Structures are given as C-alpha cells and as structure tokens.
Amino acid sequence: MARGGKSPRKRAAVAVARKLAVVMHRLWVTGKRYEAMHGVTLATAA
C-alpha cells in the first residue's frame, strides 16, 4: 500500500480480495478443507 498510483488503498483491497478468491476457488474445485497454518509447528510459528 506504500507504493501505488491514484488510490493505493483500493488497489491493495482488490489484491487481497483476488488472492482470497483464488484460494476459495481452489478449495471449491478440489473439495479439500481449509487448514489455517497447514504444516506449521509451534516452534516455527513463534
């Protein structure tokens, strides 16, 4: 959001929305369940 043109806040919001839409579509197509922080251990997360 620090960089940008006329409206960097809107561009950032669209980028996040697109990223979420891609993840959701992939989950829908494959039928898998979403697992937050998949494969991350407590030692790695800290």
N, C-alpha and C. Protein backbone atom coordinates (compact mmCIF):
# COMPACT_ATOMS: atom_id res chain seq x y z
N MET A 1 0.83 -1.18 0.00
CA MET A 1 0.00 0.00 0.00
C MET A 1 0.88 1.25 0.00
N ALA A 2 2.13 1.15 0.40
CA ALA A 2 3.02 2.31 0.44
C ALA A 2 3.27 2.83 -0.97
N ARG A 3 3.42 1.90 -1.91
CA ARG A 3 3.58 2.32 -3.31
C ARG A 3 2.20 2.51 -3.91
N GLY A 4 2.14 2.96 -5.11
CA GLY A 4 0.83 2.99 -5.75
C GLY A 4 0.62 4.22 -6.59
N GLY A 5 -0.54 4.29 -7.17
CA GLY A 5 -0.89 5.39 -8.05
C GLY A 5 -1.95 6.26 -7.42
N LYS A 6 -3.09 6.33 -8.08
CA LYS A 6 -4.15 7.23 -7.64
C LYS A 6 -4.79 6.78 -6.33
N SER A 7 -5.01 5.49 -6.20
CA SER A 7 -5.69 5.01 -4.99
C SER A 7 -5.06 3.68 -4.53
N PRO A 8 -3.96 3.76 -3.82
CA PRO A 8 -3.28 2.53 -3.40
C PRO A 8 -4.10 1.68 -2.43
N ARG A 9 -4.95 2.30 -1.64
CA ARG A 9 -5.78 1.55 -0.69
C ARG A 9 -6.76 0.65 -1.43
N LYS A 10 -7.37 1.17 -2.49
CA LYS A 10 -8.31 0.37 -3.28
C LYS A 10 -7.58 -0.75 -4.00
N ARG A 11 -6.40 -0.45 -4.53
CA ARG A 11 -5.62 -1.46 -5.23
C ARG A 11 -5.22 -2.59 -4.29
N ALA A 12 -4.84 -2.25 -3.07
CA ALA A 12 -4.48 -3.25 -2.08
C ALA A 12 -5.69 -4.10 -1.71
N ALA A 13 -6.85 -3.48 -1.56
CA ALA A 13 -8.06 -4.21 -1.22
C ALA A 13 -8.44 -5.18 -2.34
N VAL A 14 -8.30 -4.76 -3.57
CA VAL A 14 -8.60 -5.63 -4.71
C VAL A 14 -7.61 -6.79 -4.76
N ALA A 15 -6.35 -6.53 -4.48
CA ALA A 15 -5.34 -7.58 -4.49
C ALA A 15 -5.63 -8.64 -3.43
N VAL A 16 -6.01 -8.20 -2.24
CA VAL A 16 -6.33 -9.15 -1.17
C VAL A 16 -7.59 -9.93 -1.52
N ALA A 17 -8.59 -9.26 -2.07
CA ALA A 17 -9.83 -9.93 -2.46
C ALA A 17 -9.57 -10.97 -3.54
N ARG A 18 -8.71 -10.64 -4.49
CA ARG A 18 -8.38 -11.59 -5.56
C ARG A 18 -7.65 -12.80 -5.01
N LYS A 19 -6.72 -12.57 -4.10
CA LYS A 19 -5.97 -13.67 -3.50
C LYS A 19 -6.91 -14.60 -2.75
N LEU A 20 -7.83 -14.04 -1.99
CA LEU A 20 -8.81 -14.83 -1.26
C LEU A 20 -9.71 -15.60 -2.22
N ALA A 21 -10.14 -14.97 -3.30
CA ALA A 21 -11.00 -15.63 -4.28
C ALA A 21 -10.29 -16.81 -4.93
N VAL A 22 -9.01 -16.67 -5.22
CA VAL A 22 -8.25 -17.76 -5.83
C VAL A 22 -8.16 -18.94 -4.88
N VAL A 23 -7.87 -18.67 -3.60
CA VAL A 23 -7.79 -19.75 -2.61
C VAL A 23 -9.14 -20.42 -2.45
N MET A 24 -10.19 -19.65 -2.35
CA MET A 24 -11.53 -20.21 -2.17
C MET A 24 -11.94 -21.05 -3.38
N HIS A 25 -11.63 -20.57 -4.57
CA HIS A 25 -11.98 -21.32 -5.79
C HIS A 25 -11.23 -22.64 -5.84
N ARG A 26 -9.96 -22.60 -5.48
CA ARG A 26 -9.15 -23.83 -5.50
C ARG A 26 -9.70 -24.85 -4.49
N LEU A 27 -10.10 -24.39 -3.32
CA LEU A 27 -10.68 -25.29 -2.33
C LEU A 27 -12.00 -25.87 -2.83
N TRP A 28 -12.77 -25.06 -3.50
CA TRP A 28 -14.06 -25.50 -4.02
C TRP A 28 -13.88 -26.55 -5.11
N VAL A 29 -12.92 -26.33 -6.00
CA VAL A 29 -12.69 -27.25 -7.11
C VAL A 29 -12.15 -28.58 -6.61
N THR A 30 -11.19 -28.54 -5.68
CA THR A 30 -10.57 -29.78 -5.20
C THR A 30 -11.41 -30.47 -4.13
N GLY A 31 -12.27 -29.73 -3.45
CA GLY A 31 -13.10 -30.31 -2.40
C GLY A 31 -12.37 -30.49 -1.09
N LYS A 32 -11.18 -29.92 -0.97
CA LYS A 32 -10.41 -30.05 0.26
C LYS A 32 -10.92 -29.08 1.31
N ARG A 33 -10.57 -29.38 2.58
CA ARG A 33 -10.92 -28.49 3.68
C ARG A 33 -9.78 -27.52 3.90
N TYR A 34 -10.11 -26.31 4.32
CA TYR A 34 -9.10 -25.30 4.61
C TYR A 34 -8.50 -25.56 5.98
N GLU A 35 -7.17 -25.58 6.03
CA GLU A 35 -6.48 -25.73 7.29
C GLU A 35 -5.55 -24.52 7.46
N ALA A 36 -5.91 -23.66 8.38
CA ALA A 36 -5.08 -22.48 8.64
C ALA A 36 -3.73 -22.92 9.17
N MET A 37 -2.68 -22.31 8.68
CA MET A 37 -1.32 -22.61 9.12
C MET A 37 -0.98 -24.08 8.92
N HIS A 38 -1.37 -24.66 7.80
CA HIS A 38 -1.13 -26.06 7.50
C HIS A 38 0.36 -26.37 7.50
N GLY A 39 0.76 -27.36 8.27
CA GLY A 39 2.15 -27.79 8.29
C GLY A 39 3.08 -26.95 9.13
N VAL A 40 2.53 -26.02 9.91
CA VAL A 40 3.35 -25.16 10.74
C VAL A 40 3.33 -25.68 12.17
N THR A 41 4.50 -25.84 12.76
CA THR A 41 4.56 -26.28 14.15
C THR A 41 4.65 -25.07 15.05
N LEU A 42 4.46 -25.28 16.34
CA LEU A 42 4.51 -24.16 17.28
C LEU A 42 5.89 -23.52 17.30
N ALA A 43 6.94 -24.30 17.16
CA ALA A 43 8.29 -23.75 17.16
C ALA A 43 8.52 -22.86 15.93
N THR A 44 7.94 -23.24 14.80
CA THR A 44 8.09 -22.44 13.58
C THR A 44 7.27 -21.16 13.65
N ALA A 45 6.08 -21.24 14.24
CA ALA A 45 5.20 -20.09 14.29
C ALA A 45 5.71 -19.02 15.25
N ALA A 46 6.43 -19.39 16.26
CA ALA A 46 6.89 -18.42 17.27
C ALA A 46 8.12 -17.68 16.88
